[in-house]
Amino acid sequence: MEFQTWMCLICGSIYDEEQGLPEDGIAPGTRWSDVPINWTCSDCGARKDDFEMIAI
C-alpha cells in the first residue's frame, strides 16, 4: 500500500506517512490511522480530525 499525505485544514501543515514526524515521536512509516487520536498539529494545535488526505 502506498504511503499517504495528510494536510491540516487549519494551517496547511503536512503529515507524510513515509517521513513521519520524528520530532513529535512519530516514526517514519507510521500510517495516519496509527497516529495517536490525541495527537495535535505541531504547528497550530489542530486535532487529527482537522486533517484531510491529499494527493501530492
Protein backbone atom coordinates (compact mmCIF):
# COMPACT_ATOMS: atom_id res chain seq x y z
CA MET A 1 0.00 0.00 0.00
CA GLU A 2 1.29 3.44 -0.90
CA PHE A 3 2.00 5.98 1.78
CA GLN A 4 -0.49 8.84 2.01
CA THR A 5 -0.11 12.52 2.77
CA TRP A 6 -2.43 14.43 5.09
CA MET A 7 -2.82 18.22 5.34
CA CYS A 8 -4.04 20.31 8.25
CA LEU A 9 -7.09 22.25 7.10
CA ILE A 10 -6.31 25.00 9.63
CA CYS A 11 -2.67 25.86 8.88
CA GLY A 12 -1.67 23.76 5.86
CA SER A 13 0.91 21.68 7.74
CA ILE A 14 1.66 18.37 6.01
CA TYR A 15 1.89 14.89 7.56
CA ASP A 16 3.63 12.43 5.22
CA GLU A 17 3.28 8.82 6.36
CA GLU A 18 6.59 7.89 4.74
CA GLN A 19 8.51 10.57 6.67
CA GLY A 20 6.52 10.50 9.92
CA LEU A 21 7.22 13.24 12.48
CA PRO A 22 10.23 12.04 14.47
CA GLU A 23 10.34 15.35 16.39
CA ASP A 24 6.82 14.51 17.66
CA GLY A 25 7.75 10.89 18.42
CA ILE A 26 6.04 9.50 15.29
CA ALA A 27 8.42 7.19 13.44
CA PRO A 28 8.84 7.24 9.64
CA GLY A 29 6.39 4.83 8.02
CA THR A 30 3.64 5.42 10.62
CA ARG A 31 0.23 5.25 8.95
CA TRP A 32 -2.20 8.06 9.71
CA SER A 33 -4.57 5.54 11.30
CA ASP A 34 -1.77 4.61 13.74
CA VAL A 35 -1.07 8.21 14.81
CA PRO A 36 -2.50 8.56 18.36
CA ILE A 37 -6.02 10.03 18.44
CA ASN A 38 -4.88 12.65 20.98
CA TRP A 39 -2.02 13.87 18.72
CA THR A 40 -2.25 17.53 17.70
CA CYS A 41 -0.68 19.52 14.86
CA SER A 42 2.74 20.72 15.99
CA ASP A 43 2.28 23.99 14.07
CA CYS A 44 -1.20 25.11 15.19
CA GLY A 45 -2.52 22.60 17.74
CA ALA A 46 -5.35 21.33 15.49
CA ARG A 47 -6.74 17.87 16.18
CA LYS A 48 -6.36 14.84 13.94
CA ASP A 49 -9.95 15.43 12.76
CA ASP A 50 -8.80 18.70 11.19
CA PHE A 51 -6.54 16.88 8.70
CA GLU A 52 -7.58 15.69 5.25
CA MET A 53 -5.85 13.22 2.94
CA ILE A 54 -4.40 14.90 -0.15
CA ALA A 55 -2.62 13.76 -3.28
CA ILE A 56 0.73 15.42 -3.94
